[in-house]
Amino acid sequence: MDRITLTGVTAVGHHGVFDFERRDGQPFVVDAVLSMDFAKAAETDDLQYTAHYGEVAELITKHIEGEPLNLIEGLAVRIADGILANYPMVAAVDVTVHKPKAPIEVPFGDVTVSVHRGRS
């Protein structure tokens, strides 16, 4: 299976369980790996046979900036489901949501959740 990988799509969201997270917002970073067959796109050199990664990045940003959720697990699933719903040529998607400014009281580098979704 061929892949398109987007890393570091960043926007400010208001996700979290604490009031200050929802009020103030914070950066979220998303990586997505879209699995599909590139054969038709490569043969025809036509964008309609692949996923437009600029549009995918915009879709990810809209979800980050969209309706707040308590858990980034839900955000990851929303993004994965949105990609599959909008790009029928994508067979499966892996989404990782980073919350680098999570309110954790000990030193840490990053917090991530990852989901894998595919077509049945």
C-alpha atoms as a PDB file:
ATOM      1  CA  MET A   1       0.000   0.000   0.000  1.00  0.00           C
ATOM      2  CA  ASP A   2       1.262   3.454  -0.922  1.00  0.00           C
ATOM      3  CA  ARG A   3       1.207   6.324   1.583  1.00  0.00           C
ATOM      4  CA  ILE A   4       0.918  10.085   1.856  1.00  0.00           C
ATOM      5  CA  THR A   5       2.348  11.388   5.124  1.00  0.00           C
ATOM      6  CA  LEU A   6       1.569  14.809   6.581  1.00  0.00           C
ATOM      7  CA  THR A   7       3.509  15.767   9.691  1.00  0.00           C
ATOM      8  CA  GLY A   8       3.276  18.746  11.975  1.00  0.00           C
ATOM      9  CA  VAL A   9      -0.090  20.214  10.951  1.00  0.00           C
ATOM     10  CA  THR A  10      -0.495  22.781  13.725  1.00  0.00           C
ATOM     11  CA  ALA A  11      -3.397  24.916  14.930  1.00  0.00           C
ATOM     12  CA  VAL A  12      -4.794  26.258  18.193  1.00  0.00           C
ATOM     13  CA  GLY A  13      -7.671  24.294  19.677  1.00  0.00           C
ATOM     14  CA  HIS A  14      -9.685  24.475  22.867  1.00  0.00           C
ATOM     15  CA  HIS A  15      -9.728  20.788  23.777  1.00  0.00           C
ATOM     16  CA  GLY A  16      -9.229  19.566  27.319  1.00  0.00           C
ATOM     17  CA  VAL A  17     -10.985  18.783  30.552  1.00  0.00           C
ATOM     18  CA  PHE A  18      -9.940  21.944  32.383  1.00  0.00           C
ATOM     19  CA  ASP A  19     -11.792  25.266  32.054  1.00  0.00           C
ATOM     20  CA  PHE A  20      -8.590  27.178  31.296  1.00  0.00           C
ATOM     21  CA  GLU A  21      -7.789  24.832  28.384  1.00  0.00           C
ATOM     22  CA  ARG A  22     -11.154  25.506  26.810  1.00  0.00           C
ATOM     23  CA  ARG A  23     -10.961  29.228  27.525  1.00  0.00           C
ATOM     24  CA  ASP A  24      -7.357  29.947  26.515  1.00  0.00           C
ATOM     25  CA  GLY A  25      -6.668  27.253  23.926  1.00  0.00           C
ATOM     26  CA  GLN A  26      -3.307  25.728  23.112  1.00  0.00           C
ATOM     27  CA  PRO A  27      -1.424  24.334  20.131  1.00  0.00           C
ATOM     28  CA  PHE A  28      -2.231  20.876  18.825  1.00  0.00           C
ATOM     29  CA  VAL A  29      -0.058  19.139  16.246  1.00  0.00           C
ATOM     30  CA  VAL A  30      -1.340  16.358  13.992  1.00  0.00           C
ATOM     31  CA  ASP A  31       0.439  13.783  11.870  1.00  0.00           C
ATOM     32  CA  ALA A  32      -1.556  11.722   9.370  1.00  0.00           C
ATOM     33  CA  VAL A  33      -0.596   8.790   7.162  1.00  0.00           C
ATOM     34  CA  LEU A  34      -3.037   8.061   4.343  1.00  0.00           C
ATOM     35  CA  SER A  35      -2.776   4.596   2.802  1.00  0.00           C
ATOM     36  CA  MET A  36      -3.982   4.071  -0.743  1.00  0.00           C
ATOM     37  CA  ASP A  37      -3.001   2.719  -4.139  1.00  0.00           C
ATOM     38  CA  PHE A  38      -1.180   5.330  -6.238  1.00  0.00           C
ATOM     39  CA  ALA A  39      -1.289   3.287  -9.472  1.00  0.00           C
ATOM     40  CA  LYS A  40      -4.066   5.262 -11.209  1.00  0.00           C
ATOM     41  CA  ALA A  41      -2.713   8.643 -10.044  1.00  0.00           C
ATOM     42  CA  ALA A  42       0.797   7.750 -11.224  1.00  0.00           C
ATOM     43  CA  GLU A  43      -0.455   6.404 -14.559  1.00  0.00           C
ATOM     44  CA  THR A  44      -2.625   9.440 -15.356  1.00  0.00           C
ATOM     45  CA  ASP A  45      -0.716  12.148 -13.446  1.00  0.00           C
ATOM     46  CA  ASP A  46      -4.170  13.348 -12.341  1.00  0.00           C
ATOM     47  CA  LEU A  47      -4.917  14.753  -8.901  1.00  0.00           C
ATOM     48  CA  GLN A  48      -8.446  13.316  -8.889  1.00  0.00           C
ATOM     49  CA  TYR A  49      -7.000   9.838  -8.278  1.00  0.00           C
ATOM     50  CA  THR A  50      -5.193  10.718  -5.075  1.00  0.00           C
ATOM     51  CA  ALA A  51      -5.834  12.712  -1.917  1.00  0.00           C
ATOM     52  CA  HIS A  52      -5.008  16.410  -2.222  1.00  0.00           C
ATOM     53  CA  TYR A  53      -2.718  16.809   0.777  1.00  0.00           C
ATOM     54  CA  GLY A  54      -3.284  20.564   0.975  1.00  0.00           C
ATOM     55  CA  GLU A  55      -7.008  19.947   1.408  1.00  0.00           C
ATOM     56  CA  VAL A  56      -6.315  17.188   3.930  1.00  0.00           C
ATOM     57  CA  ALA A  57      -4.208  19.645   5.965  1.00  0.00           C
ATOM     58  CA  GLU A  58      -7.100  22.137   5.889  1.00  0.00           C
ATOM     59  CA  LEU A  59      -9.534  19.440   7.044  1.00  0.00           C
ATOM     60  CA  ILE A  60      -7.230  18.574   9.947  1.00  0.00           C
ATOM     61  CA  THR A  61      -6.955  22.259  10.896  1.00  0.00           C
ATOM     62  CA  LYS A  62     -10.746  22.666  10.878  1.00  0.00           C
ATOM     63  CA  HIS A  63     -11.087  19.758  13.291  1.00  0.00           C
ATOM     64  CA  ILE A  64      -8.394  21.136  15.610  1.00  0.00           C
ATOM     65  CA  GLU A  65     -10.048  24.563  15.620  1.00  0.00           C
ATOM     66  CA  GLY A  66     -13.575  23.109  15.752  1.00  0.00           C
ATOM     67  CA  GLU A  67     -15.913  22.080  18.530  1.00  0.00           C
ATOM     68  CA  PRO A  68     -13.972  21.473  21.748  1.00  0.00           C
ATOM     69  CA  LEU A  69     -13.683  17.980  23.142  1.00  0.00           C
ATOM     70  CA  ASN A  70     -12.541  16.825  26.553  1.00  0.00           C
ATOM     71  CA  LEU A  71     -10.230  14.164  25.135  1.00  0.00           C
ATOM     72  CA  ILE A  72      -7.723  14.240  22.289  1.00  0.00           C
ATOM     73  CA  GLU A  73      -8.703  10.628  21.636  1.00  0.00           C
ATOM     74  CA  GLY A  74     -11.985  11.972  20.280  1.00  0.00           C
ATOM     75  CA  LEU A  75     -10.171  14.561  18.200  1.00  0.00           C
ATOM     76  CA  ALA A  76      -8.001  11.861  16.617  1.00  0.00           C
ATOM     77  CA  VAL A  77     -11.047   9.762  15.739  1.00  0.00           C
ATOM     78  CA  ARG A  78     -12.900  12.781  14.286  1.00  0.00           C
ATOM     79  CA  ILE A  79      -9.939  13.581  12.065  1.00  0.00           C
ATOM     80  CA  ALA A  80      -9.518   9.982  10.897  1.00  0.00           C
ATOM     81  CA  ASP A  81     -13.240   9.612  10.184  1.00  0.00           C
ATOM     82  CA  GLY A  82     -13.274  12.943   8.341  1.00  0.00           C
ATOM     83  CA  ILE A  83     -10.414  11.914   6.078  1.00  0.00           C
ATOM     84  CA  LEU A  84     -12.089   8.602   5.220  1.00  0.00           C
ATOM     85  CA  ALA A  85     -15.437  10.322   4.601  1.00  0.00           C
ATOM     86  CA  ASN A  86     -13.954  12.923   2.248  1.00  0.00           C
ATOM     87  CA  TYR A  87     -11.402  10.830   0.357  1.00  0.00           C
ATOM     88  CA  PRO A  88     -12.861   7.547  -0.924  1.00  0.00           C
ATOM     89  CA  MET A  89      -9.527   6.514  -2.453  1.00  0.00           C
ATOM     90  CA  VAL A  90      -7.956   6.362   1.040  1.00  0.00           C
ATOM     91  CA  ALA A  91      -8.101   2.752   2.247  1.00  0.00           C
ATOM     92  CA  ALA A  92      -6.847   3.453   5.762  1.00  0.00           C
ATOM     93  CA  VAL A  93      -5.520   6.320   7.832  1.00  0.00           C
ATOM     94  CA  ASP A  94      -3.307   6.651  10.887  1.00  0.00           C
ATOM     95  CA  VAL A  95      -3.685   9.863  12.877  1.00  0.00           C
ATOM     96  CA  THR A  96      -1.512  11.028  15.749  1.00  0.00           C
ATOM     97  CA  VAL A  97      -2.556  14.051  17.817  1.00  0.00           C
ATOM     98  CA  HIS A  98       0.176  15.783  19.837  1.00  0.00           C
ATOM     99  CA  LYS A  99      -0.640  17.972  22.836  1.00  0.00           C
ATOM    100  CA  PRO A 100       2.774  19.447  23.633  1.00  0.00           C
ATOM    101  CA  LYS A 101       1.454  21.984  26.171  1.00  0.00           C
ATOM    102  CA  ALA A 102      -0.719  19.542  28.110  1.00  0.00           C
ATOM    103  CA  PRO A 103      -1.212  20.582  31.742  1.00  0.00           C
ATOM    104  CA  ILE A 104       1.144  18.028  33.286  1.00  0.00           C
ATOM    105  CA  GLU A 105       2.952  18.936  36.505  1.00  0.00           C
ATOM    106  CA  VAL A 106       6.223  17.118  35.733  1.00  0.00           C
ATOM    107  CA  PRO A 107       8.719  17.780  32.927  1.00  0.00           C
ATOM    108  CA  PHE A 108       7.702  16.043  29.672  1.00  0.00           C
ATOM    109  CA  GLY A 109       8.379  16.340  25.975  1.00  0.00           C
ATOM    110  CA  ASP A 110       5.010  15.582  24.390  1.00  0.00           C
ATOM    111  CA  VAL A 111       1.759  13.685  24.817  1.00  0.00           C
ATOM    112  CA  THR A 112       0.260  11.872  21.848  1.00  0.00           C
ATOM    113  CA  VAL A 113      -2.636   9.615  21.017  1.00  0.00           C
ATOM    114  CA  SER A 114      -2.798   7.611  17.800  1.00  0.00           C
ATOM    115  CA  VAL A 115      -5.651   5.917  15.982  1.00  0.00           C
ATOM    116  CA  HIS A 116      -5.862   3.671  12.948  1.00  0.00           C
ATOM    117  CA  ARG A 117      -9.040   3.560  10.901  1.00  0.00           C
ATOM    118  CA  GLY A 118      -9.726   1.644   7.714  1.00  0.00           C
ATOM    119  CA  ARG A 119     -12.580   0.808   5.459  1.00  0.00           C
ATOM    120  CA  SER A 120     -14.588  -2.335   6.223  1.00  0.00           C
END
